[in-house]
Amino acid sequence: MEDYGHTSVLLGECIEALQIRPDGVYVDGTLGMGGHSAEIARRLSTGRLIAIDRDAEAIRRAKVRLAPFTARITFVHGNFRDLPTLLDGAGVDRADGMLFDLGVSSPQLDETERGFSYMSDAPLDMRMDSDQGLTAYEVVNQWPEERLRAILYEFGEERYARNIAAAIVRRRAQQPIRRTGELSDLIRSAMPPAARREKQHPAKRSFQAIRIAVNDELGAISDLMDHAADRLAPGGRLAVICFHSLESRIVKNAIAAREHGCTCPREFPVCICGFRQTLKSVYRKPIVPSQQELEENPRARSASLRVAERV
C-alpha cells in the first residue's frame, strides 16, 4: 500500500505472519504513517488495535489515514521500550499479535528539518521524539572523541571511525557543527579517496550511528524483546522488521534465547534456572523483500522480517 508518499515494507508478509483474527487484539508498536496498521484494522470486526509511536507528528498524520477504522484503534504516544506500561495504560493484558518496524519512516527521512538525511542540509537533530532532550547536535559537538569513535564503529560499523571522529573534534574546536550538510561534507573529507567512490554514500554509516545514539535505539530494542513475549497470548505472533545487522542480531538472539528454554549446564540433573521456552521461530530464516518490492520501493532493500510465536 502506498499513501502520502509512503510505502509500507513487507506489508503482505507481515499481515500473513500475524494470522489476524477479526476479534483479536493487536499491537503496531511503530505506527509511522499507518500502512501496516491500516491493513491490520481492515481485518478486525470486534477486535482492537493498539497503535504506538514515539513521534507525536506521526500519530497526528496516521489518524487522518486511519480515520475509517478509528473505532477499532487506540492511539498511544510512547516508546515501545515501555511496552508493559503502555499496554497497561490502554487496558490490554495480552495481545494476539505484535508488529514492530524498526526502520526510520519515510517522512522522517524526507522532512528536511528533522535532520535524519545526509542527502539534504538541515539542523542537526535526528530525534524520533521531538520532546526528548538529546539531539545530534549535542552528540556531535559535546561527546568526547573516544565515545564518538566508539559509536561510529559499533553502531555504524564504520571502518574509518577513528579518522571521522578526529575530524569532527578538530572542526568543532574551531566552531560548532550545526548542519547535516556540514557534517556530511566533513565525514566525506575524512575518508580516503577509494572510500568516497563506493556506491554507498560516505556519510550513511556515520549518520546511522549518530541516529542510533541519539534515540538509544538498540537499548530500546533490547527492552522491547524482554517484554514482548510476556505480553503475547498463547499462540500469538511477534513480527519484527529490521534494517541493519545490529538490530537483526538483537532480535535473533532474543528469540533464540526464549526458544531454547532452560540455560542450566547439561550435567545438572534438574533445571534450577526456571527459564522455560516462551517463543518459537515461525520461519527458519528471515523473510526479505521480493524483487518486485525492491523495484517499487528501493528503501526496502535492507529489510528483513523475523517472526516468532508464543508457546
C-alpha atoms as a PDB file:
ATOM      1  CA  MET A   1       0.000   0.000   0.000  1.00  0.00           C
ATOM      2  CA  GLU A   2       1.293   3.411  -0.879  1.00  0.00           C
ATOM      3  CA  ASP A   3      -0.100   6.615   0.507  1.00  0.00           C
ATOM      4  CA  TYR A   4       1.181  10.077   1.392  1.00  0.00           C
ATOM      5  CA  GLY A   5       4.380   9.180  -0.455  1.00  0.00           C
ATOM      6  CA  HIS A   6       4.989   6.297   1.938  1.00  0.00           C
ATOM      7  CA  THR A   7       5.335   2.607   1.153  1.00  0.00           C
ATOM      8  CA  SER A   8       4.964   0.038   3.941  1.00  0.00           C
ATOM      9  CA  VAL A   9       7.783  -2.511   3.895  1.00  0.00           C
ATOM     10  CA  LEU A  10       6.969  -6.251   3.663  1.00  0.00           C
ATOM     11  CA  LEU A  11       3.291  -5.402   4.106  1.00  0.00           C
ATOM     12  CA  GLY A  12       1.765  -8.604   2.762  1.00  0.00           C
ATOM     13  CA  GLU A  13       4.324 -10.769   4.534  1.00  0.00           C
ATOM     14  CA  CYS A  14       3.623  -9.075   7.881  1.00  0.00           C
ATOM     15  CA  ILE A  15      -0.130  -9.461   7.581  1.00  0.00           C
ATOM     16  CA  GLU A  16       0.217 -13.124   6.646  1.00  0.00           C
ATOM     17  CA  ALA A  17       2.607 -13.753   9.525  1.00  0.00           C
ATOM     18  CA  LEU A  18       0.309 -12.193  12.133  1.00  0.00           C
ATOM     19  CA  GLN A  19      -2.617 -14.501  11.240  1.00  0.00           C
ATOM     20  CA  ILE A  20      -5.116 -11.786  12.184  1.00  0.00           C
ATOM     21  CA  ARG A  21      -8.413 -12.814  13.780  1.00  0.00           C
ATOM     22  CA  PRO A  22     -11.359 -10.411  13.429  1.00  0.00           C
ATOM     23  CA  ASP A  23     -11.907 -10.423  17.210  1.00  0.00           C
ATOM     24  CA  GLY A  24      -8.237 -10.331  18.205  1.00  0.00           C
ATOM     25  CA  VAL A  25      -6.130  -7.708  19.963  1.00  0.00           C
ATOM     26  CA  TYR A  26      -3.084  -6.481  18.042  1.00  0.00           C
ATOM     27  CA  VAL A  27      -0.239  -4.043  18.590  1.00  0.00           C
ATOM     28  CA  ASP A  28       1.539  -1.963  15.967  1.00  0.00           C
ATOM     29  CA  GLY A  29       4.401  -0.661  18.068  1.00  0.00           C
ATOM     30  CA  THR A  30       5.818   1.545  15.300  1.00  0.00           C
ATOM     31  CA  LEU A  31       2.775   3.229  13.777  1.00  0.00           C
ATOM     32  CA  GLY A  32       4.641   5.566  11.419  1.00  0.00           C
ATOM     33  CA  MET A  33       2.387   6.548   8.521  1.00  0.00           C
ATOM     34  CA  GLY A  34      -0.060   3.777   9.404  1.00  0.00           C
ATOM     35  CA  GLY A  35       0.331   1.461   6.417  1.00  0.00           C
ATOM     36  CA  HIS A  36       0.675  -1.705   8.475  1.00  0.00           C
ATOM     37  CA  SER A  37      -1.969  -0.511  10.943  1.00  0.00           C
ATOM     38  CA  ALA A  38      -4.485   0.113   8.157  1.00  0.00           C
ATOM     39  CA  GLU A  39      -4.202  -3.468   6.926  1.00  0.00           C
ATOM     40  CA  ILE A  40      -4.487  -4.865  10.447  1.00  0.00           C
ATOM     41  CA  ALA A  41      -7.504  -2.698  11.310  1.00  0.00           C
ATOM     42  CA  ARG A  42      -9.170  -3.538   7.988  1.00  0.00           C
ATOM     43  CA  ARG A  43      -9.287  -7.182   9.076  1.00  0.00           C
ATOM     44  CA  LEU A  44     -10.814  -6.513  12.501  1.00  0.00           C
ATOM     45  CA  SER A  45     -14.513  -6.531  13.380  1.00  0.00           C
ATOM     46  CA  THR A  46     -14.875  -6.678  17.158  1.00  0.00           C
ATOM     47  CA  GLY A  47     -11.119  -6.727  17.628  1.00  0.00           C
ATOM     48  CA  ARG A  48      -8.811  -3.897  18.691  1.00  0.00           C
ATOM     49  CA  LEU A  49      -5.542  -2.399  17.519  1.00  0.00           C
ATOM     50  CA  ILE A  50      -3.133  -0.554  19.821  1.00  0.00           C
ATOM     51  CA  ALA A  51      -1.124   1.820  17.611  1.00  0.00           C
ATOM     52  CA  ILE A  52       2.035   3.144  19.283  1.00  0.00           C
ATOM     53  CA  ASP A  53       4.589   5.711  18.136  1.00  0.00           C
ATOM     54  CA  ARG A  54       7.121   7.901  19.928  1.00  0.00           C
ATOM     55  CA  ASP A  55       6.669  10.606  17.283  1.00  0.00           C
ATOM     56  CA  ALA A  56       3.583  12.723  18.041  1.00  0.00           C
ATOM     57  CA  GLU A  57       3.577  14.078  14.484  1.00  0.00           C
ATOM     58  CA  ALA A  58       3.427  10.525  13.114  1.00  0.00           C
ATOM     59  CA  ILE A  59       0.356   9.824  15.228  1.00  0.00           C
ATOM     60  CA  ARG A  60      -1.330  13.009  14.046  1.00  0.00           C
ATOM     61  CA  ARG A  61      -0.791  12.105  10.396  1.00  0.00           C
ATOM     62  CA  ALA A  62      -1.718   8.449  10.817  1.00  0.00           C
ATOM     63  CA  LYS A  63      -5.021   9.392  12.424  1.00  0.00           C
ATOM     64  CA  VAL A  64      -6.032  11.032   9.139  1.00  0.00           C
ATOM     65  CA  ARG A  65      -5.154   7.940   7.125  1.00  0.00           C
ATOM     66  CA  LEU A  66      -6.805   5.604   9.610  1.00  0.00           C
ATOM     67  CA  ALA A  67      -9.990   7.651  10.094  1.00  0.00           C
ATOM     68  CA  PRO A  68     -12.237   4.882   8.648  1.00  0.00           C
ATOM     69  CA  PHE A  69     -11.011   2.496  11.352  1.00  0.00           C
ATOM     70  CA  THR A  70     -10.892   4.833  14.370  1.00  0.00           C
ATOM     71  CA  ALA A  71     -13.469   2.841  16.356  1.00  0.00           C
ATOM     72  CA  ARG A  72     -11.109  -0.154  16.361  1.00  0.00           C
ATOM     73  CA  ILE A  73      -7.880   1.715  17.173  1.00  0.00           C
ATOM     74  CA  THR A  74      -6.361   3.109  20.371  1.00  0.00           C
ATOM     75  CA  PHE A  75      -3.542   5.555  19.598  1.00  0.00           C
ATOM     76  CA  VAL A  76      -0.716   5.704  22.138  1.00  0.00           C
ATOM     77  CA  HIS A  77       2.149   8.220  22.216  1.00  0.00           C
ATOM     78  CA  GLY A  78       5.143   6.459  23.723  1.00  0.00           C
ATOM     79  CA  ASN A  79       8.297   4.432  23.216  1.00  0.00           C
ATOM     80  CA  PHE A  80       7.872   0.718  22.557  1.00  0.00           C
ATOM     81  CA  ARG A  81      10.616   0.019  25.096  1.00  0.00           C
ATOM     82  CA  ASP A  82       7.960   0.855  27.719  1.00  0.00           C
ATOM     83  CA  LEU A  83       5.562  -1.731  26.259  1.00  0.00           C
ATOM     84  CA  PRO A  84       4.160  -3.090  29.561  1.00  0.00           C
ATOM     85  CA  THR A  85       3.337   0.399  30.836  1.00  0.00           C
ATOM     86  CA  LEU A  86       1.793   1.433  27.513  1.00  0.00           C
ATOM     87  CA  LEU A  87      -0.375  -1.692  27.300  1.00  0.00           C
ATOM     88  CA  ASP A  88      -1.454  -1.368  30.913  1.00  0.00           C
ATOM     89  CA  GLY A  89      -2.475   2.232  30.205  1.00  0.00           C
ATOM     90  CA  ALA A  90      -4.531   1.031  27.243  1.00  0.00           C
ATOM     91  CA  GLY A  91      -6.211  -1.640  29.371  1.00  0.00           C
ATOM     92  CA  VAL A  92      -4.580  -4.534  27.492  1.00  0.00           C
ATOM     93  CA  ASP A  93      -3.182  -7.564  29.293  1.00  0.00           C
ATOM     94  CA  ARG A  94      -2.239  -9.839  26.381  1.00  0.00           C
ATOM     95  CA  ALA A  95      -2.148  -9.319  22.603  1.00  0.00           C
ATOM     96  CA  ASP A  96      -2.774 -11.838  19.841  1.00  0.00           C
ATOM     97  CA  GLY A  97      -0.120 -10.296  17.649  1.00  0.00           C
ATOM     98  CA  MET A  98       2.537  -7.587  17.689  1.00  0.00           C
ATOM     99  CA  LEU A  99       4.357  -5.844  14.856  1.00  0.00           C
ATOM    100  CA  PHE A 100       7.444  -3.642  15.135  1.00  0.00           C
ATOM    101  CA  ASP A 101       9.038  -1.932  12.125  1.00  0.00           C
ATOM    102  CA  LEU A 102      12.433  -0.737  13.360  1.00  0.00           C
ATOM    103  CA  GLY A 103      13.226   1.475  10.379  1.00  0.00           C
ATOM    104  CA  VAL A 104      13.134   5.260  10.172  1.00  0.00           C
ATOM    105  CA  SER A 105       9.889   6.253   8.474  1.00  0.00           C
ATOM    106  CA  SER A 106       9.920   7.907   5.063  1.00  0.00           C
ATOM    107  CA  PRO A 107       8.517  11.219   6.368  1.00  0.00           C
ATOM    108  CA  GLN A 108      11.297  11.428   8.943  1.00  0.00           C
ATOM    109  CA  LEU A 109      13.836  10.947   6.172  1.00  0.00           C
ATOM    110  CA  ASP A 110      12.084  13.247   3.724  1.00  0.00           C
ATOM    111  CA  GLU A 111      11.280  16.130   6.063  1.00  0.00           C
ATOM    112  CA  THR A 112      14.469  18.160   5.862  1.00  0.00           C
ATOM    113  CA  GLU A 113      14.041  19.873   9.224  1.00  0.00           C
ATOM    114  CA  ARG A 114      14.191  16.542  11.094  1.00  0.00           C
ATOM    115  CA  GLY A 115      17.882  16.239  10.214  1.00  0.00           C
ATOM    116  CA  PHE A 116      17.908  12.473   9.558  1.00  0.00           C
ATOM    117  CA  SER A 117      19.205  12.588   5.999  1.00  0.00           C
ATOM    118  CA  TYR A 118      22.764  13.065   4.791  1.00  0.00           C
ATOM    119  CA  MET A 119      21.344  13.997   1.386  1.00  0.00           C
ATOM    120  CA  SER A 120      19.983  17.403   2.416  1.00  0.00           C
ATOM    121  CA  ASP A 121      21.021  20.312   4.612  1.00  0.00           C
ATOM    122  CA  ALA A 122      19.191  20.789   7.914  1.00  0.00           C
ATOM    123  CA  PRO A 123      19.805  21.459  11.602  1.00  0.00           C
ATOM    124  CA  LEU A 124      21.482  18.559  13.395  1.00  0.00           C
ATOM    125  CA  ASP A 125      18.539  16.952  15.198  1.00  0.00           C
ATOM    126  CA  MET A 126      17.658  13.295  14.409  1.00  0.00           C
ATOM    127  CA  ARG A 127      15.175  12.940  17.289  1.00  0.00           C
ATOM    128  CA  MET A 128      12.349  10.484  16.685  1.00  0.00           C
ATOM    129  CA  ASP A 129      10.526  12.109  19.596  1.00  0.00           C
ATOM    130  CA  SER A 130      10.825  15.882  19.323  1.00  0.00           C
ATOM    131  CA  ASP A 131      10.108  16.206  23.061  1.00  0.00           C
ATOM    132  CA  GLN A 132      13.271  14.388  24.109  1.00  0.00           C
ATOM    133  CA  GLY A 133      16.310  16.412  25.128  1.00  0.00           C
ATOM    134  CA  LEU A 134      19.311  14.846  23.375  1.00  0.00           C
ATOM    135  CA  THR A 135      19.870  15.818  19.730  1.00  0.00           C
ATOM    136  CA  ALA A 136      22.513  15.026  17.149  1.00  0.00           C
ATOM    137  CA  TYR A 137      23.978  18.483  17.781  1.00  0.00           C
ATOM    138  CA  GLU A 138      24.917  17.506  21.364  1.00  0.00           C
ATOM    139  CA  VAL A 139      26.345  14.147  20.263  1.00  0.00           C
ATOM    140  CA  VAL A 140      28.490  15.678  17.520  1.00  0.00           C
ATOM    141  CA  ASN A 141      29.639  18.749  19.411  1.00  0.00           C
ATOM    142  CA  GLN A 142      29.875  17.607  23.012  1.00  0.00           C
ATOM    143  CA  TRP A 143      30.646  13.917  23.227  1.00  0.00           C
ATOM    144  CA  PRO A 144      34.334  13.016  23.781  1.00  0.00           C
ATOM    145  CA  GLU A 145      36.336  11.863  20.772  1.00  0.00           C
ATOM    146  CA  GLU A 146      36.693   8.294  22.046  1.00  0.00           C
ATOM    147  CA  ARG A 147      32.963   7.991  22.609  1.00  0.00           C
ATOM    148  CA  LEU A 148      32.289   9.325  19.113  1.00  0.00           C
ATOM    149  CA  ARG A 149      34.745   6.827  17.648  1.00  0.00           C
ATOM    150  CA  ALA A 150      33.059   4.010  19.573  1.00  0.00           C
ATOM    151  CA  ILE A 151      29.528   4.736  18.352  1.00  0.00           C
ATOM    152  CA  LEU A 152      30.675   5.220  14.745  1.00  0.00           C
ATOM    153  CA  TYR A 153      32.448   1.871  14.845  1.00  0.00           C
ATOM    154  CA  GLU A 154      29.871  -0.094  16.864  1.00  0.00           C
ATOM    155  CA  PHE A 155      26.590   1.405  15.666  1.00  0.00           C
ATOM    156  CA  GLY A 156      27.609   2.300  12.128  1.00  0.00           C
ATOM    157  CA  GLU A 157      30.230  -0.420  11.561  1.00  0.00           C
ATOM    158  CA  GLU A 158      32.273   2.391  10.058  1.00  0.00           C
ATOM    159  CA  ARG A 159      35.846   1.257   9.382  1.00  0.00           C
ATOM    160  CA  TYR A 160      37.100   4.852   9.255  1.00  0.00           C
ATOM    161  CA  ALA A 161      35.535   5.722  12.607  1.00  0.00           C
ATOM    162  CA  ARG A 162      38.821   6.934  14.115  1.00  0.00           C
ATOM    163  CA  ASN A 163      39.522   9.322  11.216  1.00  0.00           C
ATOM    164  CA  ILE A 164      35.976  10.688  11.225  1.00  0.00           C
ATOM    165  CA  ALA A 165      35.830  11.206  14.999  1.00  0.00           C
ATOM    166  CA  ALA A 166      39.162  13.037  14.932  1.00  0.00           C
ATOM    167  CA  ALA A 167      37.982  15.257  12.069  1.00  0.00           C
ATOM    168  CA  ILE A 168      34.786  16.133  13.945  1.00  0.00           C
ATOM    169  CA  VAL A 169      36.720  17.097  17.075  1.00  0.00           C
ATOM    170  CA  ARG A 170      39.153  19.269  15.108  1.00  0.00           C
ATOM    171  CA  ARG A 171      36.336  21.097  13.330  1.00  0.00           C
ATOM    172  CA  ARG A 172      34.203  21.693  16.410  1.00  0.00           C
ATOM    173  CA  ALA A 173      37.233  23.147  18.217  1.00  0.00           C
ATOM    174  CA  GLN A 174      37.080  25.957  15.660  1.00  0.00           C
ATOM    175  CA  GLN A 175      33.287  26.347  15.577  1.00  0.00           C
ATOM    176  CA  PRO A 176      30.240  24.203  16.338  1.00  0.00           C
ATOM    177  CA  ILE A 177      28.954  21.835  13.653  1.00  0.00           C
ATOM    178  CA  ARG A 178      25.318  22.843  13.257  1.00  0.00           C
ATOM    179  CA  ARG A 179      24.070  21.420   9.956  1.00  0.00           C
ATOM    180  CA  THR A 180      23.696  17.959   8.408  1.00  0.00           C
ATOM    181  CA  GLY A 181      25.272  19.190   5.162  1.00  0.00           C
ATOM    182  CA  GLU A 182      28.335  20.400   7.017  1.00  0.00           C
ATOM    183  CA  LEU A 183      28.669  17.109   8.882  1.00  0.00           C
ATOM    184  CA  SER A 184      28.181  15.070   5.699  1.00  0.00           C
ATOM    185  CA  ASP A 185      30.919  17.016   3.893  1.00  0.00           C
ATOM    186  CA  LEU A 186      33.233  16.681   6.885  1.00  0.00           C
ATOM    187  CA  ILE A 187      32.744  12.896   7.046  1.00  0.00           C
ATOM    188  CA  ARG A 188      33.412  12.625   3.336  1.00  0.00           C
ATOM    189  CA  SER A 189      36.624  14.638   3.594  1.00  0.00           C
ATOM    190  CA  ALA A 190      37.904  12.428   6.450  1.00  0.00           C
ATOM    191  CA  MET A 191      37.715   9.272   4.330  1.00  0.00           C
ATOM    192  CA  PRO A 192      40.298   8.068   1.795  1.00  0.00           C
ATOM    193  CA  PRO A 193      39.541   8.638  -1.909  1.00  0.00           C
ATOM    194  CA  ALA A 194      38.693   4.974  -2.549  1.00  0.00           C
ATOM    195  CA  ALA A 195      36.008   5.028   0.151  1.00  0.00           C
ATOM    196  CA  ARG A 196      34.449   8.166  -1.327  1.00  0.00           C
ATOM    197  CA  ARG A 197      33.977   6.364  -4.626  1.00  0.00           C
ATOM    198  CA  GLU A 198      31.981   3.485  -3.144  1.00  0.00           C
ATOM    199  CA  LYS A 199      28.373   3.083  -4.255  1.00  0.00           C
ATOM    200  CA  GLN A 200      27.090   3.775  -0.738  1.00  0.00           C
ATOM    201  CA  HIS A 201      27.150   7.422   0.358  1.00  0.00           C
ATOM    202  CA  PRO A 202      30.234   8.055   2.545  1.00  0.00           C
ATOM    203  CA  ALA A 203      28.139   9.520   5.371  1.00  0.00           C
ATOM    204  CA  LYS A 204      25.486   6.778   5.523  1.00  0.00           C
ATOM    205  CA  ARG A 205      27.074   4.642   8.233  1.00  0.00           C
ATOM    206  CA  SER A 206      28.020   7.616  10.401  1.00  0.00           C
ATOM    207  CA  PHE A 207      24.553   9.155  10.219  1.00  0.00           C
ATOM    208  CA  GLN A 208      23.061   5.774  11.138  1.00  0.00           C
ATOM    209  CA  ALA A 209      25.363   5.561  14.153  1.00  0.00           C
ATOM    210  CA  ILE A 210      24.554   9.062  15.393  1.00  0.00           C
ATOM    211  CA  ARG A 211      20.812   8.493  14.950  1.00  0.00           C
ATOM    212  CA  ILE A 212      21.011   5.249  16.933  1.00  0.00           C
ATOM    213  CA  ALA A 213      22.907   7.019  19.719  1.00  0.00           C
ATOM    214  CA  VAL A 214      20.510   9.978  19.847  1.00  0.00           C
ATOM    215  CA  ASN A 215      17.453   7.741  20.165  1.00  0.00           C
ATOM    216  CA  ASP A 216      19.078   4.879  22.132  1.00  0.00           C
ATOM    217  CA  GLU A 217      17.579   2.559  19.539  1.00  0.00           C
ATOM    218  CA  LEU A 218      19.477  -0.590  20.445  1.00  0.00           C
ATOM    219  CA  GLY A 219      18.665  -0.242  24.126  1.00  0.00           C
ATOM    220  CA  ALA A 220      15.010   0.246  23.230  1.00  0.00           C
ATOM    221  CA  ILE A 221      15.013  -2.891  21.056  1.00  0.00           C
ATOM    222  CA  SER A 222      16.590  -4.942  23.849  1.00  0.00           C
ATOM    223  CA  ASP A 223      13.955  -3.704  26.298  1.00  0.00           C
ATOM    224  CA  LEU A 224      11.217  -4.442  23.775  1.00  0.00           C
ATOM    225  CA  MET A 225      12.366  -8.020  23.251  1.00  0.00           C
ATOM    226  CA  ASP A 226      12.482  -8.528  27.016  1.00  0.00           C
ATOM    227  CA  HIS A 227       8.816  -7.543  27.294  1.00  0.00           C
ATOM    228  CA  ALA A 228       7.103  -8.605  24.070  1.00  0.00           C
ATOM    229  CA  ALA A 229       6.872 -12.361  24.656  1.00  0.00           C
ATOM    230  CA  ASP A 230       5.447 -11.826  28.141  1.00  0.00           C
ATOM    231  CA  ARG A 231       2.558  -9.783  26.743  1.00  0.00           C
ATOM    232  CA  LEU A 232       1.630 -12.159  23.925  1.00  0.00           C
ATOM    233  CA  ALA A 233      -1.278 -14.551  24.344  1.00  0.00           C
ATOM    234  CA  PRO A 234      -0.516 -18.249  23.770  1.00  0.00           C
ATOM    235  CA  GLY A 235      -0.291 -18.758  20.009  1.00  0.00           C
ATOM    236  CA  GLY A 236       0.185 -15.023  19.467  1.00  0.00           C
ATOM    237  CA  ARG A 237       2.668 -13.895  16.824  1.00  0.00           C
ATOM    238  CA  LEU A 238       5.562 -11.411  17.114  1.00  0.00           C
ATOM    239  CA  ALA A 239       6.772  -9.859  13.830  1.00  0.00           C
ATOM    240  CA  VAL A 240       9.838  -7.588  13.763  1.00  0.00           C
ATOM    241  CA  ILE A 241      11.252  -5.815  10.702  1.00  0.00           C
ATOM    242  CA  CYS A 242      14.964  -4.987  10.971  1.00  0.00           C
ATOM    243  CA  PHE A 243      17.057  -2.811   8.675  1.00  0.00           C
ATOM    244  CA  HIS A 244      20.645  -3.402   9.741  1.00  0.00           C
ATOM    245  CA  SER A 245      22.730  -6.139  11.291  1.00  0.00           C
ATOM    246  CA  LEU A 246      22.812  -4.674  14.805  1.00  0.00           C
ATOM    247  CA  GLU A 247      19.027  -4.692  15.101  1.00  0.00           C
ATOM    248  CA  SER A 248      18.761  -8.095  13.493  1.00  0.00           C
ATOM    249  CA  ARG A 249      21.309  -9.609  15.871  1.00  0.00           C
ATOM    250  CA  ILE A 250      19.456  -8.375  18.956  1.00  0.00           C
ATOM    251  CA  VAL A 251      16.125  -9.690  17.685  1.00  0.00           C
ATOM    252  CA  LYS A 252      17.561 -13.007  16.509  1.00  0.00           C
ATOM    253  CA  ASN A 253      19.384 -13.656  19.795  1.00  0.00           C
ATOM    254  CA  ALA A 254      16.384 -12.651  21.907  1.00  0.00           C
ATOM    255  CA  ILE A 255      14.116 -15.070  20.043  1.00  0.00           C
ATOM    256  CA  ALA A 256      16.739 -17.826  20.225  1.00  0.00           C
ATOM    257  CA  ALA A 257      17.158 -17.378  23.993  1.00  0.00           C
ATOM    258  CA  ARG A 258      13.406 -17.741  24.524  1.00  0.00           C
ATOM    259  CA  GLU A 259      13.243 -20.628  22.082  1.00  0.00           C
ATOM    260  CA  HIS A 260      15.822 -22.792  23.778  1.00  0.00           C
ATOM    261  CA  GLY A 261      14.382 -22.544  27.268  1.00  0.00           C
ATOM    262  CA  CYS A 262      16.498 -23.928  30.130  1.00  0.00           C
ATOM    263  CA  THR A 263      20.011 -22.441  30.377  1.00  0.00           C
ATOM    264  CA  CYS A 264      21.340 -24.810  33.042  1.00  0.00           C
ATOM    265  CA  PRO A 265      24.555 -26.747  32.300  1.00  0.00           C
ATOM    266  CA  ARG A 266      23.842 -30.128  30.704  1.00  0.00           C
ATOM    267  CA  GLU A 267      25.292 -32.011  33.642  1.00  0.00           C
ATOM    268  CA  PHE A 268      22.611 -30.644  36.012  1.00  0.00           C
ATOM    269  CA  PRO A 269      20.133 -33.461  36.801  1.00  0.00           C
ATOM    270  CA  VAL A 270      17.201 -30.997  37.123  1.00  0.00           C
ATOM    271  CA  CYS A 271      16.517 -27.456  35.953  1.00  0.00           C
ATOM    272  CA  ILE A 272      17.250 -24.785  38.536  1.00  0.00           C
ATOM    273  CA  CYS A 273      17.216 -21.702  36.275  1.00  0.00           C
ATOM    274  CA  GLY A 274      13.451 -21.772  35.806  1.00  0.00           C
ATOM    275  CA  PHE A 275      13.836 -20.333  32.310  1.00  0.00           C
ATOM    276  CA  ARG A 276      11.258 -22.000  30.105  1.00  0.00           C
ATOM    277  CA  GLN A 277      10.625 -21.779  26.394  1.00  0.00           C
ATOM    278  CA  THR A 278       8.293 -18.883  25.570  1.00  0.00           C
ATOM    279  CA  LEU A 279       8.825 -18.397  21.824  1.00  0.00           C
ATOM    280  CA  LYS A 280       9.406 -20.497  18.748  1.00  0.00           C
ATOM    281  CA  SER A 281      10.511 -19.235  15.352  1.00  0.00           C
ATOM    282  CA  VAL A 282       7.828 -19.478  12.676  1.00  0.00           C
ATOM    283  CA  TYR A 283      10.296 -19.369   9.774  1.00  0.00           C
ATOM    284  CA  ARG A 284      13.792 -20.845   9.741  1.00  0.00           C
ATOM    285  CA  LYS A 285      15.233 -17.785   8.003  1.00  0.00           C
ATOM    286  CA  PRO A 286      14.189 -14.123   7.986  1.00  0.00           C
ATOM    287  CA  ILE A 287      11.862 -13.022   5.192  1.00  0.00           C
ATOM    288  CA  VAL A 288      13.290 -10.459   2.777  1.00  0.00           C
ATOM    289  CA  PRO A 289      11.534  -8.261   0.184  1.00  0.00           C
ATOM    290  CA  SER A 290      10.695  -9.689  -3.211  1.00  0.00           C
ATOM    291  CA  GLN A 291      12.368  -8.386  -6.335  1.00  0.00           C
ATOM    292  CA  GLN A 292       9.129  -6.634  -7.256  1.00  0.00           C
ATOM    293  CA  GLU A 293       9.024  -4.813  -3.917  1.00  0.00           C
ATOM    294  CA  LEU A 294      12.656  -3.758  -4.267  1.00  0.00           C
ATOM    295  CA  GLU A 295      11.915  -2.299  -7.685  1.00  0.00           C
ATOM    296  CA  GLU A 296       8.889  -0.416  -6.356  1.00  0.00           C
ATOM    297  CA  ASN A 297      10.487   0.670  -3.070  1.00  0.00           C
ATOM    298  CA  PRO A 298      14.322   0.804  -3.038  1.00  0.00           C
ATOM    299  CA  ARG A 299      14.277   1.763   0.659  1.00  0.00           C
ATOM    300  CA  ALA A 300      13.204  -1.806   1.432  1.00  0.00           C
ATOM    301  CA  ARG A 301      16.477  -3.285   0.191  1.00  0.00           C
ATOM    302  CA  SER A 302      17.987  -3.894   3.636  1.00  0.00           C
ATOM    303  CA  ALA A 303      14.770  -5.012   5.351  1.00  0.00           C
ATOM    304  CA  SER A 304      14.306  -8.449   6.904  1.00  0.00           C
ATOM    305  CA  LEU A 305      11.353  -9.845   8.835  1.00  0.00           C
ATOM    306  CA  ARG A 306      11.635 -12.254  11.759  1.00  0.00           C
ATOM    307  CA  VAL A 307       8.530 -13.944  13.127  1.00  0.00           C
ATOM    308  CA  ALA A 308       8.081 -15.891  16.349  1.00  0.00           C
ATOM    309  CA  GLU A 309       5.074 -17.441  18.101  1.00  0.00           C
ATOM    310  CA  ARG A 310       4.253 -17.579  21.796  1.00  0.00           C
ATOM    311  CA  VAL A 311       4.163 -21.143  23.139  1.00  0.00           C
END
